[in-house]
Each structure stands twice: as C-alpha cells, then as structure tokens.
Protein backbone atom coordinates (compact mmCIF):
# COMPACT_ATOMS: atom_id res chain seq x y z
CA MET A 1 -18.13 39.89 34.21
CA ALA A 2 -16.11 40.76 31.09
CA PHE A 3 -15.20 44.11 32.63
CA ARG A 4 -13.94 42.45 35.81
CA THR A 5 -11.94 39.94 33.79
CA LEU A 6 -10.30 42.73 31.77
CA THR A 7 -9.38 44.66 34.90
CA GLY A 8 -7.99 41.52 36.52
CA LEU A 9 -5.82 40.90 33.47
CA ILE A 10 -4.52 44.47 33.50
CA VAL A 11 -3.50 44.34 37.15
CA SER A 12 -2.13 40.80 36.71
CA LEU A 13 0.22 42.15 34.08
CA LEU A 14 1.30 44.89 36.45
CA ILE A 15 2.00 42.49 39.28
CA SER A 16 3.71 39.78 37.27
CA THR A 17 6.10 42.10 35.43
CA SER A 18 9.17 43.33 37.25
CA ALA A 19 11.66 43.95 34.44
CA TRP A 20 11.74 47.63 35.32
CA ALA A 21 12.22 47.23 39.02
CA GLU A 22 14.40 49.91 40.59
CA ASP A 23 14.74 51.41 44.05
CA ILE A 24 11.20 52.40 44.94
CA GLN A 25 10.79 56.17 45.13
CA VAL A 26 8.03 57.00 47.59
CA ASN A 27 5.92 60.12 47.17
CA PRO A 28 7.06 62.39 50.05
CA SER A 29 3.46 63.50 50.63
CA HIS A 30 1.95 60.00 50.57
CA PRO A 31 -1.00 59.26 52.87
CA ASP A 32 -0.79 56.54 55.52
CA GLN A 33 -4.06 55.14 54.23
CA TYR A 34 -6.50 55.85 51.41
CA THR A 35 -10.03 54.63 50.79
CA VAL A 36 -10.73 53.97 47.11
CA VAL A 37 -13.64 55.91 45.59
CA LYS A 38 -15.54 55.56 42.34
CA ASP A 39 -13.66 56.80 39.24
CA ASP A 40 -10.25 56.23 40.87
CA THR A 41 -7.77 54.47 38.61
CA LEU A 42 -4.76 52.34 39.47
CA TRP A 43 -2.63 55.14 38.10
CA ASP A 44 -4.26 57.54 40.59
CA LEU A 45 -3.54 55.19 43.47
CA ALA A 46 0.06 54.65 42.38
CA GLY A 47 0.63 58.40 42.20
CA LYS A 48 -0.60 58.88 45.77
CA PHE A 49 2.12 56.60 47.15
CA LEU A 50 4.91 56.68 44.53
CA THR A 51 6.95 59.19 42.59
CA HIS A 52 6.97 56.81 39.60
CA PRO A 53 3.61 55.00 39.13
CA TRP A 54 5.18 52.17 37.10
CA GLN A 55 6.84 50.92 40.32
CA TRP A 56 3.39 50.01 41.67
CA PRO A 57 3.96 46.19 41.32
CA GLU A 58 6.97 46.37 43.63
CA LEU A 59 4.82 47.53 46.54
CA TRP A 60 2.52 44.52 46.10
CA SER A 61 5.23 41.91 45.46
CA SER A 62 5.76 40.91 49.11
CA ASN A 63 2.21 41.56 50.28
CA THR A 64 0.74 38.48 51.97
CA GLN A 65 -2.41 40.06 53.38
CA ILE A 66 -4.36 40.28 50.14
CA LYS A 67 -5.92 37.04 48.93
CA ASN A 68 -6.63 38.40 45.46
CA PRO A 69 -4.73 41.62 44.69
CA HIS A 70 -5.85 41.52 41.06
CA LEU A 71 -9.07 43.35 41.86
CA ILE A 72 -9.41 46.56 43.85
CA TYR A 73 -12.85 48.05 44.42
CA PRO A 74 -14.34 51.35 45.56
CA GLY A 75 -14.65 51.25 49.34
CA ASP A 76 -11.43 49.24 49.81
CA THR A 77 -8.84 50.92 52.04
CA ILE A 78 -5.14 50.83 51.15
CA TYR A 79 -2.55 51.18 53.92
CA PHE A 80 1.08 52.30 53.54
CA SER A 81 3.73 50.95 55.89
CA ILE A 82 7.46 50.30 56.19
CA VAL A 83 8.36 46.65 56.80
CA ASP A 84 12.02 45.68 57.33
CA GLY A 85 13.02 49.03 55.91
CA LYS A 86 10.98 48.55 52.72
CA PRO A 87 7.71 50.31 51.77
CA GLN A 88 4.66 48.06 51.39
CA LEU A 89 0.96 48.40 50.75
CA SER A 90 -1.81 46.35 52.30
CA LEU A 91 -5.52 46.39 51.73
CA SER A 92 -8.73 45.80 53.65
CA ARG A 93 -11.86 44.86 51.77
CA SER A 94 -15.08 46.78 52.22
CA GLU A 95 -18.37 44.93 52.00
CA LEU A 96 -21.02 47.31 50.72
CA PRO A 97 -24.28 47.07 52.68
CA LEU A 98 -27.22 45.86 50.68
CA ALA A 99 -29.92 48.42 50.07
CA GLU A 100 -32.80 48.14 52.50
CA SER A 101 -36.31 47.70 51.19
CA HIS A 102 -39.50 46.80 53.01
CA SER A 103 -41.44 46.12 49.84
CA PRO A 104 -42.58 42.48 49.58
CA CYS A 105 -41.95 42.69 45.84
CA VAL A 106 -38.20 43.34 46.17
CA LEU A 107 -35.90 40.37 46.79
CA GLN A 108 -32.46 40.96 48.29
CA GLU A 109 -29.56 38.52 48.08
CA GLU A 110 -30.02 37.71 51.78
CA ASP A 111 -33.66 36.71 51.18
CA TYR A 112 -32.51 33.57 49.36
CA LYS A 113 -30.10 32.61 52.13
CA HIS A 114 -32.67 32.98 54.93
CA GLY A 115 -35.64 31.48 53.07
CA ARG A 116 -37.91 34.45 52.70
CA LYS A 117 -41.61 33.50 52.52
CA ASN A 118 -43.58 36.76 52.55
CA PHE A 119 -44.14 37.42 48.86
CA ALA A 120 -46.65 39.76 47.23
CA VAL A 121 -49.93 38.06 46.36
CA SER A 122 -52.73 39.29 44.09
CA GLU A 123 -56.40 39.44 45.14
CA ASP A 124 -57.04 36.04 43.57
CA GLY A 125 -54.18 34.46 45.48
CA LYS A 126 -51.50 34.40 42.75
CA VAL A 127 -47.89 35.26 43.57
CA LEU A 128 -46.88 38.53 41.90
CA PRO A 129 -43.54 38.90 40.09
CA CYS A 130 -40.83 40.49 42.23
CA ILE A 131 -37.64 42.46 41.58
CA ARG A 132 -34.37 40.82 42.55
CA ILE A 133 -31.63 43.21 43.69
CA THR A 134 -27.98 42.19 43.33
CA GLU A 135 -25.17 44.47 44.48
CA LEU A 136 -22.58 44.74 41.68
CA LYS A 137 -19.17 46.17 42.43
CA GLN A 138 -16.82 46.95 39.57
CA ALA A 139 -13.08 46.91 40.03
CA ILE A 140 -11.20 50.11 39.31
CA ARG A 141 -9.28 50.41 36.06
CA LEU A 142 -5.65 51.11 35.29
CA ILE A 143 -6.54 54.08 33.06
CA PRO A 144 -9.86 55.50 31.75
CA ILE A 145 -10.13 53.28 28.67
CA GLU A 146 -13.18 55.14 27.32
CA THR A 147 -11.02 58.28 26.95
CA ILE A 148 -8.77 56.67 24.34
CA MET A 149 -11.18 54.15 22.79
CA SER A 150 -12.08 56.34 19.81
CA PHE A 151 -8.37 56.84 19.01
CA LEU A 152 -7.38 53.15 19.02
CA SER A 153 -8.45 52.44 15.45
CA SER A 154 -9.22 55.86 13.93
CA PRO A 155 -7.90 58.39 13.09
CA LYS A 156 -4.46 57.26 12.07
CA VAL A 157 -1.17 58.56 10.74
CA VAL A 158 -0.04 57.82 7.18
CA ASP A 159 2.75 58.94 4.89
CA GLU A 160 2.15 61.09 1.84
CA ASN A 161 2.28 58.26 -0.70
CA GLU A 162 -0.01 55.98 1.30
CA LEU A 163 -2.81 58.54 1.22
CA SER A 164 -2.32 59.92 -2.28
CA ASN A 165 -2.21 56.44 -3.84
CA ALA A 166 -5.34 55.20 -2.07
CA PRO A 167 -8.67 54.75 -3.96
CA TYR A 168 -11.00 57.75 -3.74
CA VAL A 169 -14.71 58.57 -3.92
CA VAL A 170 -15.85 59.67 -7.40
CA GLY A 171 -19.64 59.71 -7.02
CA PHE A 172 -22.78 58.86 -5.05
CA ALA A 173 -25.55 56.39 -5.86
CA GLY A 174 -29.12 57.60 -6.18
CA GLU A 175 -28.29 61.11 -7.42
CA HIS A 176 -27.33 62.26 -3.92
CA LEU A 177 -25.33 65.46 -3.59
CA ILE A 178 -23.84 64.23 -0.33
CA ALA A 179 -23.72 60.80 1.29
CA GLY A 180 -24.06 59.44 4.81
CA THR A 181 -24.98 56.30 6.71
CA GLY A 182 -27.17 54.00 4.61
CA ASP A 183 -26.08 55.48 1.26
CA ARG A 184 -23.78 53.99 -1.37
CA VAL A 185 -20.69 55.55 -2.92
CA TYR A 186 -18.61 54.81 -6.02
CA VAL A 187 -14.85 54.48 -5.58
CA ARG A 188 -11.90 54.25 -7.95
CA SER A 189 -10.62 51.63 -8.13
CA ILE A 190 -11.01 48.44 -6.14
CA THR A 191 -10.72 45.66 -8.69
CA GLU A 192 -8.98 42.99 -6.61
CA PRO A 193 -10.26 43.45 -3.04
CA LYS A 194 -8.35 41.83 -0.18
CA ASN A 195 -11.21 42.26 2.28
CA GLN A 196 -14.78 43.51 2.46
CA SER A 197 -14.39 46.28 5.02
CA TYR A 198 -13.10 49.74 4.13
CA THR A 199 -12.76 53.08 5.93
CA ILE A 200 -13.14 56.48 4.32
CA TYR A 201 -10.56 59.06 5.40
CA ARG A 202 -9.93 62.69 4.60
CA PRO A 203 -6.42 64.14 4.44
CA GLY A 204 -5.74 66.11 7.60
CA SER A 205 -2.91 68.29 8.82
CA ALA A 206 0.74 67.38 8.50
CA TYR A 207 2.71 66.51 11.61
CA ILE A 208 5.92 68.53 11.47
CA SER A 209 9.03 68.19 13.59
CA PRO A 210 9.55 71.42 15.57
CA GLU A 211 13.29 70.83 15.51
CA SER A 212 14.00 70.03 11.85
CA GLY A 213 10.82 71.17 10.10
CA GLU A 214 10.56 67.71 8.52
CA ILE A 215 7.12 66.23 7.83
CA LEU A 216 6.73 63.16 10.05
CA GLY A 217 3.37 62.03 8.69
CA TYR A 218 -0.16 63.11 7.87
CA GLU A 219 -3.30 62.74 9.91
CA ALA A 220 -5.95 60.63 8.17
CA GLN A 221 -9.24 61.96 9.55
CA TYR A 222 -11.89 59.31 10.05
CA ILE A 223 -15.05 59.93 7.99
CA ALA A 224 -16.97 56.66 7.61
CA ASP A 225 -16.99 52.86 7.74
CA THR A 226 -18.13 50.97 4.63
CA THR A 227 -18.56 47.47 3.25
CA LEU A 228 -17.72 46.48 -0.30
CA GLN A 229 -20.81 45.57 -2.36
CA GLN A 230 -19.30 45.32 -5.83
CA PRO A 231 -15.62 45.47 -6.83
CA GLY A 232 -14.62 47.25 -9.99
CA ASP A 233 -13.59 50.62 -11.39
CA PRO A 234 -15.60 52.20 -9.94
CA ALA A 235 -16.40 49.89 -7.03
CA THR A 236 -19.60 50.22 -5.00
CA LEU A 237 -19.37 50.62 -1.22
CA ALA A 238 -22.23 50.84 1.30
CA ILE A 239 -21.79 53.25 4.20
CA THR A 240 -22.45 51.54 7.54
CA LYS A 241 -21.38 54.34 9.90
CA SER A 242 -20.25 57.93 9.37
CA SER A 243 -19.05 60.82 11.52
CA GLN A 244 -19.80 63.43 8.84
CA GLU A 245 -20.90 63.67 5.22
CA ILE A 246 -18.72 62.02 2.58
CA ARG A 247 -17.19 64.24 -0.11
CA ILE A 248 -15.93 63.59 -3.61
CA GLY A 249 -12.20 62.94 -3.36
CA ASP A 250 -12.25 61.37 0.10
CA ARG A 251 -9.76 58.50 0.30
CA VAL A 252 -10.63 54.87 0.95
CA MET A 253 -8.37 52.41 2.74
CA PRO A 254 -8.95 48.74 3.64
CA ASN A 255 -9.46 47.85 7.28
CA ILE A 256 -6.56 45.69 8.38
CA GLU A 257 -7.38 43.37 11.24
CA GLN A 258 -5.13 44.29 14.12
CA GLU A 259 -5.19 43.60 17.81
CA ILE A 260 -6.20 46.63 19.85
CA ALA A 261 -4.16 46.83 23.03
CA LEU A 262 -6.31 47.33 26.12
CA ASN A 263 -3.80 46.00 28.63
CA TYR A 264 -1.12 48.52 29.44
CA PHE A 265 2.00 48.04 31.51
CA PRO A 266 3.33 51.58 32.11
CA ARG A 267 7.13 51.70 32.11
CA PRO A 268 9.92 54.01 30.95
CA PRO A 269 11.42 53.36 27.50
CA LYS A 270 14.82 51.72 27.26
CA GLN A 271 16.09 54.40 24.88
CA SER A 272 16.57 58.03 25.84
CA ILE A 273 13.72 60.08 24.36
CA ASP A 274 13.79 63.84 23.86
CA GLY A 275 10.78 65.05 21.88
CA SER A 276 7.87 67.46 21.83
CA ILE A 277 4.07 67.60 21.87
CA ILE A 278 3.13 68.62 18.33
CA SER A 279 -0.67 68.40 18.39
CA VAL A 280 -3.69 67.78 20.61
CA LEU A 281 -6.57 65.57 19.46
CA GLY A 282 -10.25 65.43 20.31
CA GLY A 283 -11.27 68.95 19.29
CA VAL A 284 -9.78 70.68 22.34
CA SER A 285 -7.34 73.57 22.49
CA GLN A 286 -6.23 73.34 26.13
CA ILE A 287 -4.11 70.37 27.22
CA GLY A 288 -4.78 68.81 30.60
CA ARG A 289 -5.20 65.50 32.34
CA TYR A 290 -6.66 62.72 30.16
CA ASN A 291 -6.31 64.71 26.94
CA VAL A 292 -4.85 62.86 23.93
CA VAL A 293 -1.79 64.43 22.33
CA VAL A 294 0.54 63.66 19.44
CA ILE A 295 4.29 63.57 20.11
CA ASP A 296 7.06 63.68 17.52
CA LYS A 297 8.59 60.32 18.45
CA GLY A 298 7.43 56.86 17.41
CA ILE A 299 8.34 53.25 16.80
CA SER A 300 11.51 54.19 14.92
CA ASP A 301 12.68 56.01 18.06
CA GLY A 302 12.03 52.98 20.27
CA LEU A 303 8.62 53.93 21.65
CA LEU A 304 6.14 51.15 22.41
CA THR A 305 2.63 50.96 23.81
CA GLY A 306 2.72 51.73 27.54
CA HIS A 307 5.89 53.79 27.54
CA GLU A 308 5.74 56.70 29.97
CA LEU A 309 7.41 60.08 29.44
CA ASN A 310 7.68 63.19 31.56
CA ILE A 311 6.27 66.44 30.17
CA TYR A 312 8.33 69.60 30.59
CA GLN A 313 6.99 73.10 30.11
CA ARG A 314 9.50 74.99 28.01
CA GLY A 315 11.34 77.68 29.91
CA ASP A 316 10.72 81.27 28.87
CA ILE A 317 13.39 83.43 27.33
CA VAL A 318 13.70 86.59 29.44
CA ARG A 319 15.70 89.78 29.10
CA ASP A 320 18.58 90.24 31.54
CA SER A 321 18.40 93.93 32.39
CA ASN A 322 21.51 93.74 34.63
CA SER A 323 23.79 92.32 31.97
CA PRO A 324 26.37 94.69 30.47
CA MET A 325 25.48 93.23 27.09
CA THR A 326 22.73 94.98 25.18
CA ASN A 327 19.51 92.95 24.84
CA ALA A 328 20.99 90.01 26.73
CA ARG A 329 18.58 87.08 26.96
CA VAL A 330 18.44 84.16 29.39
CA ASN A 331 16.71 80.89 28.62
CA LEU A 332 15.02 79.75 31.86
CA PRO A 333 15.09 76.02 32.71
CA ASP A 334 12.33 73.71 31.56
CA GLU A 335 9.93 72.80 34.40
CA ILE A 336 8.37 69.35 34.78
CA ALA A 337 4.62 69.74 34.28
CA GLY A 338 3.16 66.24 34.00
CA THR A 339 3.44 62.74 32.60
CA LEU A 340 1.99 60.95 29.59
CA MET A 341 1.66 57.36 28.43
CA VAL A 342 1.99 56.24 24.82
CA PHE A 343 -1.00 54.08 23.80
CA ARG A 344 -0.73 54.03 20.00
CA PRO A 345 2.71 54.45 18.42
CA PHE A 346 3.17 54.96 14.68
CA GLU A 347 6.44 54.92 12.78
CA ARG A 348 7.52 58.49 13.53
CA VAL A 349 4.83 59.92 15.82
CA SER A 350 2.68 58.55 18.66
CA TYR A 351 -0.67 59.12 20.31
CA ALA A 352 -0.30 59.53 24.07
CA LEU A 353 -2.63 60.09 27.02
CA VAL A 354 -1.77 62.82 29.53
CA MET A 355 -1.88 60.97 32.85
CA LYS A 356 -0.86 63.85 35.10
CA ALA A 357 -0.76 67.63 34.66
CA THR A 358 0.53 69.83 37.49
CA GLN A 359 0.28 73.01 35.42
CA ALA A 360 -1.02 74.18 32.06
CA LEU A 361 0.40 72.23 29.10
CA HIS A 362 0.92 73.49 25.57
CA VAL A 363 1.81 72.32 22.09
CA LEU A 364 5.63 72.31 21.76
CA ASP A 365 6.14 71.40 25.43
CA LYS A 366 8.94 68.84 25.68
CA VAL A 367 8.62 65.13 26.49
CA LYS A 368 11.57 63.23 27.94
CA THR A 369 12.52 59.89 29.42
CA PRO A 370 11.89 59.87 33.19
C-alpha cells in the first residue's frame, strides 16, 4: 500500500504542476495506442507520445475519461487522439483475470463473494487451513527509484577543507588489523558530539572542470555506518554496516538528518545550462540508460532536483583534405544523444540519472538546457 501511495503522490505532483506548460510537442512517431507492461515507467510512456516528457501533465489536464489518473497499471491501454485541435490521452483499465485453481485448499477473492462451501476436510472431519489468493497490481513508477537509491545519501561531494578537517580513524578495538561490521574503531576527536550517528568516508577522486581545470569538489566514498559509543579523544564508534574494510586514516562525518527526495517533477531549468559529464558512478565504464553520472554544474548554477538536460555527443574534429590550408581541421557539430535528470545537486556538481540514450555516451559529453 505504501508503494501505491508513493506512486500516486508522484503522479499527483506531475498532474497538479503546470508552471512549465508550453506548446505541446508531440513525438512524430507516437503510437495511436499503447498497452502498459511491467517495468514501464511514466517517463517511458511520456517519451512514446511527447518530444519533451515533462509536458506529460498537459496531455492529462483536460482528460475526463479517467476517474483516477494518479495510478496507471500494467495492462492498462493508453490512447492518443486529437480533440479540438489539441492532443489528448485517454486510458482504459484492464482487469487482470484471477488465477484459476481447482484445489479445495485455495481460496480466490470470488469465493468470498459467492459463498464458497467446499473446503478441504481431514479424515477426522476437521477443516484444513487454506491458502487465500489476492491479485495485487502495482502502479508503474515515474523513474526506477531503486537505480538511484544507493546514491541518495552516500557517496557525497565535499570540498577539500570539509574532508581534511574531519575526525579520522586512528585504531581498532580488540587488536584487529582491519575492522568491519560489528567491530569498534577509535576516532580523533569527537569530544562534543552533536548526534550519535556517523558515517566513515574515504577521500575519492577530485571532480575537475573540463573547461577551466578548476577542482569543483571531491568524492567522499562511502565506507561504513557507525554509532557513537563513547565521546572523547579518541572517541569509540561501533560499526553497524560497512561496504568494505575500514582503514586507519579514513574520515568520519556526522550524519545530518535530511529529507531524501523521492518525488520528482521533471522540468527544464530556468537558467541556461551548458556543462559536461565529468564522471560515471556505480562501477561502470560505459554510459547508457539508467546509469548515474556526475555533471559539472550544481546548485550555484541554478540546478535543482528534477531538472532535465539534454546530452550532446561532442562532435569530432576532422581533417579537411580539400582545404587549401595545410592541416585544416573542422569541428563537426555536437549531436543530441540522450537526456538526463538531476536527482541530487551539490554546490558545484550534481548526480544525474540518464533517462534516455539514443547512442553511446561518454565522459566529457556536453549537457545543455533543452
């Protein structure tokens, strides 16, 4: 039920927000109808009918055929039509048939409505326990939340001083050479704790602007979660969860309670953005749909959660053999290659999810305002 509520809230936000309404641009190759299948997302559906998925709410705004447009399920069929010169979508619900079973020990939903009486009975005349089957349909999601879940709280981006000034691990309890979940570590110095929950990080790579060469921030690699057992210098922390072994010198930072955004309203940013992909996260080298990337623009550039940007593959520089100039070079135009959505902006960089990839993407490909 919680999942359905979350999905309803997501779509409700989409439908109720129209600040970015523009002339609807219909996908020239849109289908006349489409039946929703498992693993479809609202973004997928929007892309089938629209050039810009964020205009999805506009197609539903004047729809009177759908009693509850907040929830769309696999098996539902969406129809595209033109009404009074304007594109609209309508939907027909699909009722999934209940699974058939002739076993007297399996109870279907319909059995309760029709007063079923033939139950399984043991040799001594006692009624045997039966299985009750309930058909559960889950509404489709806006985006695949599980893809970005591990990046919503950790890792994170910090500046040089924030990491270098943080407390650090100086030793392990119990004469351990390494530490992991269930062990205790000693940290310098947490003498006046502001909370009881701390995360251990390890300095990662620097994020560098490809244009200026300036360092935009440093990746803080997540290592472990801990709870404070005893403040002091050194303080004692118990490791509650770890992704790898803890090392001497790993940095410790307090967990700051912050709301994790799970409801996204995709939209273009107000400001003009012209940046680049500078890294790809998640241990992958190839960039494609639903990969998480780092871009060199952040909150200071006007980016917010949900902002959508187009991805452009940088044009090659080729030699012009017909030019009278020796070694003449021509810079070919950048080609649009996909779209991404910012889901976790930091001050000068952002984490973004690749929502669409029409060709291979690479680090240093450009990102621009649609």
